[in-house]
Each structure stands twice: as C-alpha cells, then as structure tokens.
N, C-alpha and C. Protein backbone atom coordinates (compact mmCIF):
# COMPACT_ATOMS: atom_id res chain seq x y z
N MET A 1 23.87 6.76 6.08
CA MET A 1 23.35 4.92 5.33
C MET A 1 24.29 4.43 4.76
N GLU A 2 24.78 3.58 4.66
CA GLU A 2 25.08 2.23 4.21
C GLU A 2 24.03 2.00 3.27
N LYS A 3 24.41 1.95 1.51
CA LYS A 3 23.91 1.38 0.76
C LYS A 3 23.09 0.28 0.83
N THR A 4 24.13 -1.44 1.73
CA THR A 4 23.24 -1.86 2.01
C THR A 4 22.61 -2.20 2.83
N TYR A 5 22.27 -1.09 4.03
CA TYR A 5 21.41 -0.74 4.41
C TYR A 5 20.27 0.05 3.62
N PHE A 6 20.46 0.07 3.20
CA PHE A 6 19.54 1.20 1.96
C PHE A 6 18.95 0.74 1.01
N TYR A 7 19.51 -0.34 0.50
CA TYR A 7 19.07 -1.52 -0.52
C TYR A 7 17.95 -2.09 -0.08
N ALA A 8 18.29 -2.81 0.79
CA ALA A 8 17.86 -4.05 1.94
C ALA A 8 16.55 -3.05 1.90
N THR A 9 16.55 -2.15 2.90
CA THR A 9 15.51 -0.95 3.33
C THR A 9 14.32 -1.12 2.52
N ILE A 10 14.84 -0.74 1.09
CA ILE A 10 13.90 -0.60 -0.04
C ILE A 10 13.08 -1.85 -0.83
N PHE A 11 14.00 -2.84 -0.77
CA PHE A 11 13.17 -3.89 -1.24
C PHE A 11 12.46 -4.45 -0.19
N PHE A 12 12.88 -4.84 0.77
CA PHE A 12 11.34 -5.09 2.34
C PHE A 12 10.08 -3.87 2.59
N GLY A 13 10.44 -2.49 2.43
CA GLY A 13 9.74 -2.21 1.53
C GLY A 13 8.57 -2.25 0.94
N TRP A 14 8.92 -2.30 -0.78
CA TRP A 14 8.22 -2.70 -1.34
C TRP A 14 8.04 -4.13 -1.30
N LEU A 15 8.67 -4.63 -0.56
CA LEU A 15 7.66 -5.95 -0.69
C LEU A 15 6.50 -5.83 0.35
N ILE A 16 6.76 -5.72 1.27
CA ILE A 16 5.65 -5.76 2.34
C ILE A 16 4.42 -4.51 1.38
N THR A 17 4.24 -3.55 0.58
CA THR A 17 3.66 -3.28 0.02
C THR A 17 3.12 -3.58 -0.97
N LEU A 18 3.34 -4.37 -1.67
CA LEU A 18 3.01 -5.68 -2.60
C LEU A 18 2.23 -6.41 -1.93
N ALA A 19 3.01 -6.88 -0.23
CA ALA A 19 1.88 -8.16 0.29
C ALA A 19 0.61 -7.35 0.93
N LEU A 20 0.50 -6.13 0.68
CA LEU A 20 -0.61 -5.12 1.16
C LEU A 20 -1.63 -4.94 0.25
N ILE A 21 -0.87 -4.98 -1.12
CA ILE A 21 -1.50 -5.11 -2.14
C ILE A 21 -2.51 -6.19 -2.48
N ILE A 22 -2.27 -6.97 -2.33
CA ILE A 22 -2.76 -7.98 -2.47
C ILE A 22 -3.48 -8.81 -1.46
N PHE A 23 -3.06 -8.68 -0.53
CA PHE A 23 -4.41 -8.61 0.89
C PHE A 23 -5.34 -8.14 0.36
N MET A 24 -5.46 -6.47 0.00
CA MET A 24 -6.58 -5.53 0.06
C MET A 24 -7.58 -6.82 -1.10
N VAL A 25 -7.04 -6.84 -2.59
CA VAL A 25 -7.43 -7.74 -3.41
C VAL A 25 -8.20 -9.12 -3.00
N VAL A 26 -7.98 -9.95 -2.23
CA VAL A 26 -7.99 -10.88 -1.72
C VAL A 26 -9.10 -10.26 -0.66
N ALA A 27 -8.90 -8.68 0.04
CA ALA A 27 -10.10 -8.85 0.93
C ALA A 27 -11.79 -8.11 0.07
N PHE A 28 -11.06 -7.71 -0.79
CA PHE A 28 -12.90 -7.29 -1.90
C PHE A 28 -13.26 -8.63 -2.90
N LYS A 29 -12.51 -9.12 -3.19
CA LYS A 29 -13.18 -10.58 -3.08
C LYS A 29 -13.89 -11.40 -2.45
N MET A 30 -13.44 -11.29 -0.64
CA MET A 30 -13.86 -11.79 0.05
C MET A 30 -15.02 -10.50 0.04
N SER A 31 -15.49 -9.98 -0.23
CA SER A 31 -16.72 -9.10 -0.15
C SER A 31 -16.49 -8.62 1.21
N MET A 32 -15.33 -8.61 1.73
CA MET A 32 -15.11 -8.09 2.77
C MET A 32 -14.66 -6.00 2.59
N ILE A 33 -15.86 -4.99 2.80
CA ILE A 33 -15.35 -4.76 2.19
C ILE A 33 -14.28 -2.99 3.04
N VAL A 34 -14.52 -3.29 3.92
CA VAL A 34 -14.46 -2.52 5.70
C VAL A 34 -12.55 -2.43 5.63
N ILE A 35 -12.37 -4.08 5.40
CA ILE A 35 -11.06 -4.50 5.88
C ILE A 35 -10.28 -3.57 4.52
N GLY A 36 -11.13 -4.37 2.74
CA GLY A 36 -10.17 -3.54 1.94
C GLY A 36 -9.67 -2.57 1.79
N CYS A 37 -10.97 -1.46 2.37
CA CYS A 37 -11.09 -0.08 2.32
C CYS A 37 -9.39 0.87 3.45
N ILE A 38 -8.82 -0.25 4.43
CA ILE A 38 -8.34 -0.11 5.91
C ILE A 38 -7.00 -0.48 4.86
N LEU A 39 -7.28 -1.21 3.66
CA LEU A 39 -6.15 -1.70 3.77
C LEU A 39 -4.93 -1.09 2.44
N ILE A 40 -6.84 0.24 1.88
CA ILE A 40 -6.21 0.86 0.97
C ILE A 40 -5.43 2.35 1.53
N LEU A 41 -6.44 2.02 2.78
CA LEU A 41 -5.10 3.71 3.35
C LEU A 41 -3.62 3.14 3.47
N ILE A 42 -3.76 1.84 4.33
CA ILE A 42 -2.49 1.30 4.86
C ILE A 42 -1.63 1.30 3.21
N SER A 43 -1.84 0.98 2.52
CA SER A 43 -1.09 0.50 1.39
C SER A 43 -0.68 2.14 0.48
N LEU A 44 -1.35 3.04 0.85
CA LEU A 44 -0.85 4.53 -0.30
C LEU A 44 -0.07 4.82 1.01
N ALA A 45 -0.39 5.02 2.02
CA ALA A 45 0.52 5.10 3.11
C ALA A 45 2.24 4.51 3.07
N SER A 46 2.01 3.32 3.03
CA SER A 46 3.34 2.52 3.10
C SER A 46 3.90 3.06 1.89
N LEU A 47 3.53 3.23 0.46
CA LEU A 47 3.81 3.52 -0.91
C LEU A 47 4.43 5.13 -0.83
N LEU A 48 3.41 5.77 -0.53
CA LEU A 48 3.95 7.00 0.09
C LEU A 48 5.49 7.20 0.96
N MET A 49 5.87 5.79 2.06
CA MET A 49 6.53 5.83 2.28
C MET A 49 7.77 5.63 1.93
N ASN A 50 7.78 4.48 1.16
CA ASN A 50 8.56 4.20 0.35
C ASN A 50 9.32 5.07 -0.84
N ILE A 51 8.24 5.65 -1.70
CA ILE A 51 8.57 6.70 -2.80
C ILE A 51 9.22 8.13 -1.87
N VAL A 52 9.39 8.47 -0.30
CA VAL A 52 9.96 9.39 0.52
C VAL A 52 10.60 8.69 0.88
N PHE A 53 11.37 7.76 1.27
CA PHE A 53 12.44 7.19 1.27
C PHE A 53 13.19 6.92 0.06
N MET A 54 13.15 6.43 -0.74
CA MET A 54 13.76 6.60 -2.52
C MET A 54 14.60 7.68 -2.68
N LYS A 55 13.96 9.09 -2.75
CA LYS A 55 13.99 10.38 -2.76
C LYS A 55 15.34 11.12 -1.84
N LYS A 56 14.98 10.47 -0.18
CA LYS A 56 15.99 10.90 0.46
C LYS A 56 17.07 10.17 0.54
N GLY A 57 17.46 9.16 0.08
CA GLY A 57 18.87 8.62 -0.32
C GLY A 57 19.22 8.36 -1.33
N VAL A 58 18.43 8.92 -2.32
CA VAL A 58 19.12 9.43 -3.90
C VAL A 58 19.89 10.93 -3.41
N ARG A 59 18.85 11.16 -2.90
CA ARG A 59 19.50 13.05 -2.33
C ARG A 59 20.90 12.50 -1.29
N ASN A 60 21.03 12.30 -0.71
CA ASN A 60 22.02 11.61 -0.05
C ASN A 60 23.25 11.29 -0.43
N GLN A 61 22.98 10.31 -1.60
CA GLN A 61 24.17 9.36 -2.03
C GLN A 61 25.22 10.11 -2.72
C-alpha cells in the first residue's frame, strides 16, 4: 500500500471516529439514550478498526 494512501486512510478514519464521539456526546446531552448507546458501539468499532489498521500498516512498512 502506498504511504500517502495509508496516511490519508488513517487520518480520515480518526476524523470519522472523532465526529462519531462528538455526535454521541450531543445525543446524550439531548437525552437520546438509545441513539447515544448505538453511537457508543459504532464509535468503539471504529476505534478498534483504526487501531488494527495502524498496526497492520506499521507491520507491513
């Protein structure tokens, strides 16, 4: 994988994760508990995928 593609993918992955966490906090502040809980699960999955992708990229480079 090209380095530029790898770094861009990591950057946008973390950007999406950050946006999900912000939406989760806003959902809890607006008393939308179910949506907040769903966003917690999605945020955790996104966070874990980012970590796995970073480990995979470091190992291959």
